[in-house]
C-alpha atoms as a PDB file:
ATOM      1  CA  MET A   1      65.572  56.876 167.671  1.00  0.00           C
ATOM      2  CA  LEU A   2      64.663  60.382 168.645  1.00  0.00           C
ATOM      3  CA  SER A   3      65.481  62.790 165.860  1.00  0.00           C
ATOM      4  CA  PHE A   4      65.224  66.619 165.894  1.00  0.00           C
ATOM      5  CA  GLY A   5      64.981  68.234 162.423  1.00  0.00           C
ATOM      6  CA  ILE A   6      65.698  71.852 161.367  1.00  0.00           C
ATOM      7  CA  ASP A   7      64.764  73.456 158.039  1.00  0.00           C
ATOM      8  CA  THR A   8      65.464  77.061 157.141  1.00  0.00           C
ATOM      9  CA  SER A   9      64.142  77.429 153.565  1.00  0.00           C
ATOM     10  CA  ASN A  10      63.763  80.624 151.800  1.00  0.00           C
ATOM     11  CA  TYR A  11      60.255  81.590 153.207  1.00  0.00           C
ATOM     12  CA  THR A  12      59.734  79.154 156.276  1.00  0.00           C
ATOM     13  CA  THR A  13      61.503  78.565 159.612  1.00  0.00           C
ATOM     14  CA  SER A  14      60.691  75.001 160.608  1.00  0.00           C
ATOM     15  CA  VAL A  15      61.757  72.448 163.498  1.00  0.00           C
ATOM     16  CA  ALA A  16      60.398  68.974 164.207  1.00  0.00           C
ATOM     17  CA  TRP A  17      60.883  66.149 166.563  1.00  0.00           C
ATOM     18  CA  TYR A  18      60.250  62.549 165.388  1.00  0.00           C
ATOM     19  CA  ASP A  19      60.422  59.269 167.159  1.00  0.00           C
ATOM     20  CA  SER A  20      61.003  56.403 164.789  1.00  0.00           C
ATOM     21  CA  ASP A  21      59.930  53.762 167.542  1.00  0.00           C
ATOM     22  CA  SER A  22      56.466  55.331 167.933  1.00  0.00           C
ATOM     23  CA  GLY A  23      56.080  57.205 164.655  1.00  0.00           C
ATOM     24  CA  GLU A  24      54.984  60.185 166.767  1.00  0.00           C
ATOM     25  CA  TYR A  25      56.092  63.704 165.755  1.00  0.00           C
ATOM     26  CA  ILE A  26      55.596  67.229 166.883  1.00  0.00           C
ATOM     27  CA  GLN A  27      56.543  70.075 164.613  1.00  0.00           C
ATOM     28  CA  ASN A  28      56.520  74.053 164.539  1.00  0.00           C
ATOM     29  CA  ARG A  29      57.056  76.324 161.596  1.00  0.00           C
ATOM     30  CA  ARG A  30      56.605  80.111 160.933  1.00  0.00           C
ATOM     31  CA  LEU A  31      56.590  81.851 157.543  1.00  0.00           C
ATOM     32  CA  LEU A  32      59.179  84.598 157.062  1.00  0.00           C
ATOM     33  CA  SER A  33      57.292  87.857 156.751  1.00  0.00           C
ATOM     34  CA  VAL A  34      57.152  89.505 153.328  1.00  0.00           C
ATOM     35  CA  ARG A  35      56.018  93.078 152.558  1.00  0.00           C
ATOM     36  CA  LYS A  36      52.720  93.469 150.960  1.00  0.00           C
ATOM     37  CA  GLY A  37      53.031  93.697 147.165  1.00  0.00           C
ATOM     38  CA  GLU A  38      56.348  91.841 147.072  1.00  0.00           C
ATOM     39  CA  THR A  39      56.800  88.244 145.751  1.00  0.00           C
ATOM     40  CA  GLY A  40      59.983  87.100 147.687  1.00  0.00           C
ATOM     41  CA  LEU A  41      62.790  88.035 149.947  1.00  0.00           C
ATOM     42  CA  ARG A  42      66.602  88.784 149.423  1.00  0.00           C
ATOM     43  CA  GLN A  43      68.632  86.089 150.972  1.00  0.00           C
ATOM     44  CA  SER A  44      70.200  88.634 153.368  1.00  0.00           C
ATOM     45  CA  ASP A  45      66.745  89.400 154.675  1.00  0.00           C
ATOM     46  CA  ALA A  46      65.849  85.643 154.970  1.00  0.00           C
ATOM     47  CA  VAL A  47      69.081  84.832 156.927  1.00  0.00           C
ATOM     48  CA  PHE A  48      68.154  87.677 159.447  1.00  0.00           C
ATOM     49  CA  LYS A  49      64.632  86.620 159.852  1.00  0.00           C
ATOM     50  CA  HIS A  50      65.683  82.955 160.292  1.00  0.00           C
ATOM     51  CA  THR A  51      68.243  83.978 162.945  1.00  0.00           C
ATOM     52  CA  ILE A  52      65.459  85.763 164.824  1.00  0.00           C
ATOM     53  CA  GLN A  53      62.721  83.049 164.379  1.00  0.00           C
ATOM     54  CA  LEU A  54      64.597  79.727 164.982  1.00  0.00           C
ATOM     55  CA  PRO A  55      65.259  80.043 168.640  1.00  0.00           C
ATOM     56  CA  GLU A  56      61.744  81.210 169.163  1.00  0.00           C
ATOM     57  CA  ILE A  57      60.053  78.223 167.376  1.00  0.00           C
ATOM     58  CA  MET A  58      62.602  75.870 168.976  1.00  0.00           C
ATOM     59  CA  LEU A  59      61.518  76.832 172.296  1.00  0.00           C
ATOM     60  CA  GLU A  60      57.754  76.670 171.410  1.00  0.00           C
ATOM     61  CA  VAL A  61      58.048  73.108 170.144  1.00  0.00           C
ATOM     62  CA  GLU A  62      59.552  71.958 173.384  1.00  0.00           C
ATOM     63  CA  ASP A  63      56.173  72.461 174.986  1.00  0.00           C
ATOM     64  CA  GLY A  64      57.798  72.695 178.530  1.00  0.00           C
ATOM     65  CA  LYS A  65      59.657  69.304 178.066  1.00  0.00           C
ATOM     66  CA  ARG A  66      63.413  69.351 177.609  1.00  0.00           C
ATOM     67  CA  LYS A  67      64.749  66.403 175.559  1.00  0.00           C
ATOM     68  CA  VAL A  68      68.041  65.587 174.175  1.00  0.00           C
ATOM     69  CA  PRO A  69      67.858  63.912 170.725  1.00  0.00           C
ATOM     70  CA  ASP A  70      69.731  60.946 169.497  1.00  0.00           C
ATOM     71  CA  VAL A  71      70.503  62.676 166.222  1.00  0.00           C
ATOM     72  CA  ILE A  72      70.010  66.172 164.884  1.00  0.00           C
ATOM     73  CA  ALA A  73      69.017  66.325 161.163  1.00  0.00           C
ATOM     74  CA  VAL A  74      69.342  69.597 159.123  1.00  0.00           C
ATOM     75  CA  SER A  75      68.792  70.651 155.516  1.00  0.00           C
ATOM     76  CA  VAL A  76      71.983  72.424 154.259  1.00  0.00           C
ATOM     77  CA  SER A  77      71.131  72.789 150.468  1.00  0.00           C
ATOM     78  CA  PRO A  78      68.139  73.173 148.117  1.00  0.00           C
ATOM     79  CA  ARG A  79      68.925  69.949 146.384  1.00  0.00           C
ATOM     80  CA  ASP A  80      71.311  66.903 146.331  1.00  0.00           C
ATOM     81  CA  ALA A  81      73.440  68.241 143.523  1.00  0.00           C
ATOM     82  CA  GLU A  82      77.000  69.775 143.501  1.00  0.00           C
ATOM     83  CA  GLY A  83      76.931  73.378 143.837  1.00  0.00           C
ATOM     84  CA  SER A  84      73.313  73.672 145.292  1.00  0.00           C
ATOM     85  CA  TYR A  85      73.489  76.300 147.803  1.00  0.00           C
ATOM     86  CA  MET A  86      71.407  79.122 149.348  1.00  0.00           C
ATOM     87  CA  PRO A  87      72.730  81.175 152.380  1.00  0.00           C
ATOM     88  CA  CYS A  88      69.385  80.769 154.291  1.00  0.00           C
ATOM     89  CA  PHE A  89      70.212  77.132 154.964  1.00  0.00           C
ATOM     90  CA  ALA A  90      73.422  78.242 156.947  1.00  0.00           C
ATOM     91  CA  VAL A  91      71.295  79.415 159.768  1.00  0.00           C
ATOM     92  CA  GLY A  92      69.861  75.937 160.428  1.00  0.00           C
ATOM     93  CA  LYS A  93      73.279  74.224 159.713  1.00  0.00           C
ATOM     94  CA  CYS A  94      74.987  76.641 162.343  1.00  0.00           C
ATOM     95  CA  VAL A  95      72.396  75.952 165.016  1.00  0.00           C
ATOM     96  CA  ALA A  96      72.432  72.220 164.324  1.00  0.00           C
ATOM     97  CA  GLN A  97      76.183  71.980 164.681  1.00  0.00           C
ATOM     98  CA  THR A  98      76.299  73.987 167.799  1.00  0.00           C
ATOM     99  CA  ALA A  99      73.565  71.847 169.404  1.00  0.00           C
ATOM    100  CA  GLY A 100      75.229  68.728 168.183  1.00  0.00           C
ATOM    101  CA  ALA A 101      78.490  69.736 169.847  1.00  0.00           C
ATOM    102  CA  LEU A 102      76.869  70.808 172.973  1.00  0.00           C
ATOM    103  CA  PHE A 103      74.975  67.667 173.389  1.00  0.00           C
ATOM    104  CA  GLY A 104      77.525  65.343 171.834  1.00  0.00           C
ATOM    105  CA  VAL A 105      75.132  63.760 169.270  1.00  0.00           C
ATOM    106  CA  PRO A 106      75.706  63.238 165.570  1.00  0.00           C
ATOM    107  CA  VAL A 107      74.475  65.813 163.177  1.00  0.00           C
ATOM    108  CA  LEU A 108      73.319  64.570 159.699  1.00  0.00           C
ATOM    109  CA  GLN A 109      72.910  66.773 156.725  1.00  0.00           C
ATOM    110  CA  PHE A 110      70.165  66.510 153.956  1.00  0.00           C
ATOM    111  CA  SER A 111      68.813  68.566 151.135  1.00  0.00           C
ATOM    112  CA  HIS A 112      65.609  70.522 151.390  1.00  0.00           C
ATOM    113  CA  GLN A 113      64.248  68.575 148.508  1.00  0.00           C
ATOM    114  CA  ALA A 114      64.920  65.204 150.137  1.00  0.00           C
ATOM    115  CA  GLY A 115      63.116  66.570 153.280  1.00  0.00           C
ATOM    116  CA  HIS A 116      60.068  67.496 151.296  1.00  0.00           C
ATOM    117  CA  ILE A 117      59.947  63.967 149.627  1.00  0.00           C
ATOM    118  CA  ALA A 118      60.314  62.269 153.030  1.00  0.00           C
ATOM    119  CA  ALA A 119      57.630  64.514 154.577  1.00  0.00           C
ATOM    120  CA  ALA A 120      55.140  63.515 151.690  1.00  0.00           C
ATOM    121  CA  LEU A 121      55.953  59.757 152.426  1.00  0.00           C
ATOM    122  CA  VAL A 122      55.792  59.863 156.368  1.00  0.00           C
ATOM    123  CA  SER A 123      52.552  61.935 156.213  1.00  0.00           C
ATOM    124  CA  ALA A 124      50.833  59.672 153.680  1.00  0.00           C
ATOM    125  CA  GLY A 125      51.976  56.548 155.645  1.00  0.00           C
ATOM    126  CA  ARG A 126      54.235  55.415 152.806  1.00  0.00           C
ATOM    127  CA  LEU A 127      57.735  55.371 154.225  1.00  0.00           C
ATOM    128  CA  ASP A 128      57.834  51.857 152.643  1.00  0.00           C
ATOM    129  CA  LEU A 129      58.593  53.416 149.297  1.00  0.00           C
ATOM    130  CA  LEU A 130      61.995  54.281 150.554  1.00  0.00           C
ATOM    131  CA  ASP A 131      63.100  50.665 150.015  1.00  0.00           C
ATOM    132  CA  SER A 132      62.329  50.872 146.277  1.00  0.00           C
ATOM    133  CA  GLU A 133      62.427  53.099 143.220  1.00  0.00           C
ATOM    134  CA  PHE A 134      59.951  55.788 142.764  1.00  0.00           C
ATOM    135  CA  ILE A 135      59.231  59.121 140.875  1.00  0.00           C
ATOM    136  CA  ALA A 136      59.080  62.149 142.981  1.00  0.00           C
ATOM    137  CA  PHE A 137      57.799  65.692 141.940  1.00  0.00           C
ATOM    138  CA  HIS A 138      58.951  68.676 144.034  1.00  0.00           C
ATOM    139  CA  VAL A 139      56.785  71.599 142.877  1.00  0.00           C
ATOM    140  CA  SER A 140      57.226  74.932 144.757  1.00  0.00           C
ATOM    141  CA  GLY A 141      58.347  78.530 144.507  1.00  0.00           C
ATOM    142  CA  GLY A 142      62.011  77.562 144.109  1.00  0.00           C
ATOM    143  CA  THR A 143      61.694  74.136 142.336  1.00  0.00           C
ATOM    144  CA  THR A 144      59.690  72.476 139.573  1.00  0.00           C
ATOM    145  CA  GLU A 145      61.343  69.240 139.213  1.00  0.00           C
ATOM    146  CA  ALA A 146      60.686  65.433 138.948  1.00  0.00           C
ATOM    147  CA  VAL A 147      63.428  63.120 140.268  1.00  0.00           C
ATOM    148  CA  LEU A 148      64.125  59.362 140.381  1.00  0.00           C
ATOM    149  CA  ALA A 149      64.453  58.389 144.021  1.00  0.00           C
ATOM    150  CA  GLU A 150      66.445  55.168 144.854  1.00  0.00           C
ATOM    151  CA  PRO A 151      67.577  53.423 148.060  1.00  0.00           C
ATOM    152  CA  ASP A 152      70.793  54.791 149.369  1.00  0.00           C
ATOM    153  CA  SER A 153      72.703  53.532 152.383  1.00  0.00           C
ATOM    154  CA  GLU A 154      73.981  56.936 153.589  1.00  0.00           C
ATOM    155  CA  LYS A 155      71.491  59.615 152.406  1.00  0.00           C
ATOM    156  CA  ILE A 156      68.475  57.121 152.612  1.00  0.00           C
ATOM    157  CA  MET A 157      67.588  58.424 149.122  1.00  0.00           C
ATOM    158  CA  LYS A 158      69.703  58.863 145.942  1.00  0.00           C
ATOM    159  CA  ILE A 159      68.020  61.637 144.050  1.00  0.00           C
ATOM    160  CA  THR A 160      68.551  62.033 140.237  1.00  0.00           C
ATOM    161  CA  LEU A 161      66.985  64.839 138.288  1.00  0.00           C
ATOM    162  CA  ILE A 162      64.863  63.563 135.284  1.00  0.00           C
ATOM    163  CA  ALA A 163      62.776  66.482 134.361  1.00  0.00           C
ATOM    164  CA  SER A 164      62.090  70.187 135.296  1.00  0.00           C
ATOM    165  CA  SER A 165      60.777  73.511 134.314  1.00  0.00           C
ATOM    166  CA  LEU A 166      62.888  75.035 131.699  1.00  0.00           C
ATOM    167  CA  ASP A 167      62.233  78.536 132.916  1.00  0.00           C
ATOM    168  CA  LEU A 168      59.721  79.685 135.557  1.00  0.00           C
ATOM    169  CA  HIS A 169      58.831  77.610 138.625  1.00  0.00           C
ATOM    170  CA  ALA A 170      55.365  76.796 139.226  1.00  0.00           C
ATOM    171  CA  GLY A 171      55.191  78.481 142.653  1.00  0.00           C
ATOM    172  CA  GLN A 172      56.687  81.570 141.105  1.00  0.00           C
ATOM    173  CA  ALA A 173      53.840  81.750 138.617  1.00  0.00           C
ATOM    174  CA  VAL A 174      51.326  81.315 141.252  1.00  0.00           C
ATOM    175  CA  ASP A 175      52.674  84.109 143.477  1.00  0.00           C
ATOM    176  CA  ARG A 176      53.230  86.426 140.567  1.00  0.00           C
ATOM    177  CA  VAL A 177      49.633  86.034 139.309  1.00  0.00           C
ATOM    178  CA  GLY A 178      48.415  86.271 142.849  1.00  0.00           C
ATOM    179  CA  ASN A 179      50.286  89.589 143.361  1.00  0.00           C
ATOM    180  CA  MET A 180      48.682  90.822 140.114  1.00  0.00           C
ATOM    181  CA  LEU A 181      45.299  90.009 141.736  1.00  0.00           C
ATOM    182  CA  GLY A 182      46.139  91.793 144.924  1.00  0.00           C
ATOM    183  CA  LEU A 183      46.525  88.550 146.997  1.00  0.00           C
ATOM    184  CA  SER A 184      48.943  88.171 149.929  1.00  0.00           C
ATOM    185  CA  PHE A 185      52.280  86.278 149.648  1.00  0.00           C
ATOM    186  CA  PRO A 186      52.551  83.235 149.483  1.00  0.00           C
ATOM    187  CA  ALA A 187      49.429  83.351 147.204  1.00  0.00           C
ATOM    188  CA  GLY A 188      48.809  79.485 146.887  1.00  0.00           C
ATOM    189  CA  LYS A 189      45.823  79.283 149.480  1.00  0.00           C
ATOM    190  CA  GLU A 190      43.940  82.314 148.160  1.00  0.00           C
ATOM    191  CA  MET A 191      44.626  81.290 144.369  1.00  0.00           C
ATOM    192  CA  ASP A 192      43.227  77.794 145.250  1.00  0.00           C
ATOM    193  CA  ALA A 193      40.046  79.376 146.738  1.00  0.00           C
ATOM    194  CA  LEU A 194      39.501  81.812 143.881  1.00  0.00           C
ATOM    195  CA  SER A 195      40.066  79.056 141.199  1.00  0.00           C
ATOM    196  CA  ARG A 196      37.288  76.972 142.784  1.00  0.00           C
ATOM    197  CA  LYS A 197      34.755  79.750 142.215  1.00  0.00           C
ATOM    198  CA  SER A 198      35.287  79.584 138.467  1.00  0.00           C
ATOM    199  CA  ASP A 199      33.399  77.146 136.150  1.00  0.00           C
ATOM    200  CA  LYS A 200      35.388  78.218 133.056  1.00  0.00           C
ATOM    201  CA  GLU A 201      36.995  75.441 131.084  1.00  0.00           C
ATOM    202  CA  PHE A 202      40.366  75.996 129.375  1.00  0.00           C
ATOM    203  CA  LYS A 203      42.142  74.021 126.587  1.00  0.00           C
ATOM    204  CA  ILE A 204      45.735  74.347 127.339  1.00  0.00           C
ATOM    205  CA  HIS A 205      48.599  72.871 125.467  1.00  0.00           C
ATOM    206  CA  PRO A 206      51.830  73.484 127.406  1.00  0.00           C
ATOM    207  CA  PHE A 207      55.388  73.200 125.777  1.00  0.00           C
ATOM    208  CA  ILE A 208      57.015  69.992 126.752  1.00  0.00           C
ATOM    209  CA  LYS A 209      60.585  68.998 125.706  1.00  0.00           C
ATOM    210  CA  ASP A 210      62.049  65.732 126.962  1.00  0.00           C
ATOM    211  CA  ASN A 211      59.592  65.500 129.833  1.00  0.00           C
ATOM    212  CA  SER A 212      60.458  69.121 130.941  1.00  0.00           C
ATOM    213  CA  CYS A 213      58.063  71.996 130.816  1.00  0.00           C
ATOM    214  CA  SER A 214      57.852  75.734 130.027  1.00  0.00           C
ATOM    215  CA  LEU A 215      55.767  77.860 132.282  1.00  0.00           C
ATOM    216  CA  SER A 216      57.086  81.259 131.392  1.00  0.00           C
ATOM    217  CA  GLY A 217      53.886  82.096 129.262  1.00  0.00           C
ATOM    218  CA  ILE A 218      51.580  82.031 132.307  1.00  0.00           C
ATOM    219  CA  GLU A 219      52.577  85.367 133.751  1.00  0.00           C
ATOM    220  CA  ASN A 220      52.022  87.303 130.539  1.00  0.00           C
ATOM    221  CA  LYS A 221      48.804  85.490 129.581  1.00  0.00           C
ATOM    222  CA  CYS A 222      47.297  86.137 132.950  1.00  0.00           C
ATOM    223  CA  ARG A 223      48.301  89.771 132.763  1.00  0.00           C
ATOM    224  CA  GLU A 224      46.544  90.125 129.440  1.00  0.00           C
ATOM    225  CA  MET A 225      43.412  88.487 130.923  1.00  0.00           C
ATOM    226  CA  ILE A 226      43.306  90.869 133.843  1.00  0.00           C
ATOM    227  CA  ASN A 227      43.831  93.916 131.416  1.00  0.00           C
ATOM    228  CA  ASN A 228      41.028  92.495 129.227  1.00  0.00           C
ATOM    229  CA  GLY A 229      38.548  92.353 132.269  1.00  0.00           C
ATOM    230  CA  THR A 230      38.626  88.668 132.972  1.00  0.00           C
ATOM    231  CA  SER A 231      37.472  87.875 136.528  1.00  0.00           C
ATOM    232  CA  PRO A 232      39.963  87.123 139.191  1.00  0.00           C
ATOM    233  CA  GLU A 233      38.392  83.845 139.537  1.00  0.00           C
ATOM    234  CA  ASP A 234      38.885  82.823 135.925  1.00  0.00           C
ATOM    235  CA  THR A 235      42.334  84.157 135.887  1.00  0.00           C
ATOM    236  CA  ALA A 236      43.384  82.198 138.789  1.00  0.00           C
ATOM    237  CA  LYS A 237      41.863  78.990 137.481  1.00  0.00           C
ATOM    238  CA  PHE A 238      43.645  79.516 134.230  1.00  0.00           C
ATOM    239  CA  CYS A 239      46.984  79.888 136.094  1.00  0.00           C
ATOM    240  CA  ILE A 240      46.317  76.680 138.090  1.00  0.00           C
ATOM    241  CA  CYS A 241      45.100  74.722 134.984  1.00  0.00           C
ATOM    242  CA  TYR A 242      48.147  75.726 133.022  1.00  0.00           C
ATOM    243  CA  ILE A 243      50.470  74.436 135.725  1.00  0.00           C
ATOM    244  CA  MET A 244      48.251  71.223 136.081  1.00  0.00           C
ATOM    245  CA  ALA A 245      48.396  70.643 132.321  1.00  0.00           C
ATOM    246  CA  ALA A 246      52.153  70.985 132.145  1.00  0.00           C
ATOM    247  CA  LEU A 247      52.660  68.616 135.210  1.00  0.00           C
ATOM    248  CA  GLU A 248      50.193  66.171 133.830  1.00  0.00           C
ATOM    249  CA  LYS A 249      52.222  65.988 130.573  1.00  0.00           C
ATOM    250  CA  MET A 250      55.409  65.601 132.396  1.00  0.00           C
ATOM    251  CA  THR A 251      53.953  62.776 134.560  1.00  0.00           C
ATOM    252  CA  ASP A 252      52.603  60.862 131.521  1.00  0.00           C
ATOM    253  CA  GLY A 253      55.994  61.103 129.760  1.00  0.00           C
ATOM    254  CA  LEU A 254      57.863  59.876 132.884  1.00  0.00           C
ATOM    255  CA  ARG A 255      55.415  57.052 133.532  1.00  0.00           C
ATOM    256  CA  SER A 256      56.130  55.901 129.912  1.00  0.00           C
ATOM    257  CA  GLU A 257      59.848  56.172 130.450  1.00  0.00           C
ATOM    258  CA  TYR A 258      59.747  54.541 133.917  1.00  0.00           C
ATOM    259  CA  PRO A 259      56.794  52.125 133.774  1.00  0.00           C
ATOM    260  CA  GLY A 260      55.402  50.708 136.996  1.00  0.00           C
ATOM    261  CA  LEU A 261      57.085  53.168 139.490  1.00  0.00           C
ATOM    262  CA  PRO A 262      54.907  54.999 141.906  1.00  0.00           C
ATOM    263  CA  VAL A 263      54.678  58.748 141.784  1.00  0.00           C
ATOM    264  CA  VAL A 264      54.913  61.094 144.887  1.00  0.00           C
ATOM    265  CA  TYR A 265      54.056  64.689 144.713  1.00  0.00           C
ATOM    266  CA  SER A 266      55.519  67.076 147.235  1.00  0.00           C
ATOM    267  CA  GLY A 267      55.995  70.900 147.557  1.00  0.00           C
ATOM    268  CA  GLY A 268      53.608  73.743 148.345  1.00  0.00           C
ATOM    269  CA  VAL A 269      51.982  73.788 144.796  1.00  0.00           C
ATOM    270  CA  MET A 270      50.855  70.286 145.156  1.00  0.00           C
ATOM    271  CA  SER A 271      48.579  71.224 147.946  1.00  0.00           C
ATOM    272  CA  ASN A 272      46.297  72.844 145.396  1.00  0.00           C
ATOM    273  CA  SER A 273      42.947  71.029 145.593  1.00  0.00           C
ATOM    274  CA  LEU A 274      42.231  70.973 141.758  1.00  0.00           C
ATOM    275  CA  ILE A 275      45.557  69.251 141.029  1.00  0.00           C
ATOM    276  CA  ARG A 276      45.343  66.786 143.822  1.00  0.00           C
ATOM    277  CA  GLU A 277      41.848  65.755 142.981  1.00  0.00           C
ATOM    278  CA  ARG A 278      42.807  65.164 139.279  1.00  0.00           C
ATOM    279  CA  PHE A 279      46.073  63.364 139.893  1.00  0.00           C
ATOM    280  CA  ALA A 280      44.864  61.276 142.740  1.00  0.00           C
ATOM    281  CA  LYS A 281      42.224  60.081 140.524  1.00  0.00           C
ATOM    282  CA  LYS A 282      44.187  59.549 137.325  1.00  0.00           C
ATOM    283  CA  TYR A 283      47.557  58.211 138.819  1.00  0.00           C
ATOM    284  CA  GLY A 284      46.651  57.075 142.298  1.00  0.00           C
ATOM    285  CA  ALA A 285      49.573  59.235 143.431  1.00  0.00           C
ATOM    286  CA  VAL A 286      50.988  59.684 146.832  1.00  0.00           C
ATOM    287  CA  PHE A 287      50.596  63.259 148.239  1.00  0.00           C
ATOM    288  CA  ALA A 288      51.745  64.954 151.364  1.00  0.00           C
ATOM    289  CA  GLU A 289      48.957  65.001 153.986  1.00  0.00           C
ATOM    290  CA  ASN A 290      48.047  67.137 157.075  1.00  0.00           C
ATOM    291  CA  GLY A 291      49.510  70.268 155.576  1.00  0.00           C
ATOM    292  CA  PHE A 292      53.038  68.832 154.961  1.00  0.00           C
ATOM    293  CA  SER A 293      53.202  69.707 151.094  1.00  0.00           C
ATOM    294  CA  SER A 294      54.532  73.115 152.244  1.00  0.00           C
ATOM    295  CA  ASP A 295      58.037  73.717 153.749  1.00  0.00           C
ATOM    296  CA  ASN A 296      58.485  71.803 156.970  1.00  0.00           C
ATOM    297  CA  ALA A 297      61.295  69.985 159.057  1.00  0.00           C
ATOM    298  CA  LEU A 298      59.515  66.714 159.657  1.00  0.00           C
ATOM    299  CA  GLY A 299      60.856  65.039 156.540  1.00  0.00           C
ATOM    300  CA  THR A 300      64.415  66.024 157.463  1.00  0.00           C
ATOM    301  CA  ALA A 301      63.847  64.634 161.101  1.00  0.00           C
ATOM    302  CA  VAL A 302      62.593  61.335 159.516  1.00  0.00           C
ATOM    303  CA  LEU A 303      65.635  61.065 157.353  1.00  0.00           C
ATOM    304  CA  GLY A 304      67.808  61.663 160.231  1.00  0.00           C
ATOM    305  CA  ALA A 305      66.109  59.040 162.420  1.00  0.00           C
ATOM    306  CA  ILE A 306      66.277  56.279 159.648  1.00  0.00           C
ATOM    307  CA  ALA A 307      70.035  57.226 158.881  1.00  0.00           C
ATOM    308  CA  GLY A 308      70.945  57.552 162.469  1.00  0.00           C
ATOM    309  CA  GLY A 309      69.348  54.116 163.178  1.00  0.00           C
ATOM    310  CA  LYS A 310      71.690  52.514 160.649  1.00  0.00           C
ATOM    311  CA  LYS A 311      74.895  53.923 162.190  1.00  0.00           C
END
């Protein structure tokens, strides 16, 4: 089953081919440009930029070989929840439906969150987890959530929200602190590199309620640290350690509530090296590999191939 996936998230235009028979894939993605000093895009700007970029990266990923997929898969919403909507996903949906009508192939729709989780599984070689229950974290600039994933005949995964941030998302905190430090957007990679240069240890006690966390204090604390002359390295490490402490408490609580279930981490924040090292050692957790923590269309293509093969 040859699947073509499309994902037009708030900050990345992505496409991917996935062959379920061979397990081979090829993908292409491009960040949406954000002006220096800003920490996001208006949806109208994101829609415009996707409209320009999507045809370009679709041509690039072809690599000179024209193919007709067996199925087209596209992310159409942020989450698998009623009312979940962002205009930027309409760009990918429009192109997918147009291509599907032109080639006479089915178009299957998934959520951006489901694609993230599937990308983590396929890149880590753990697609077998789709046949059972597991806990999945999706931690990014737009989402800080833990979900219960269960097998589903139509969507492949039934996703139920079981914990989240009560306010600020982890990726928002990273980008806002990064902006204070003069880093480019998105700030994750530079914040990771800065934090690795600090040998400071922090004792952090994040607020947790019913396995959900509060991250709103990070921004003010880091601003206070910067104003008091704290080094960029120590400030960056505090930000990362605060997020790590919150996610760790959430994970511990959920593992007690759902004993024995594997834990999967996806989303751009989970590419942070400090967090990955600690959680891989403590939980034996599954992480996205080969750069597939950040937004991409591979997971969506994988879900399309699996669902298409069942029809």
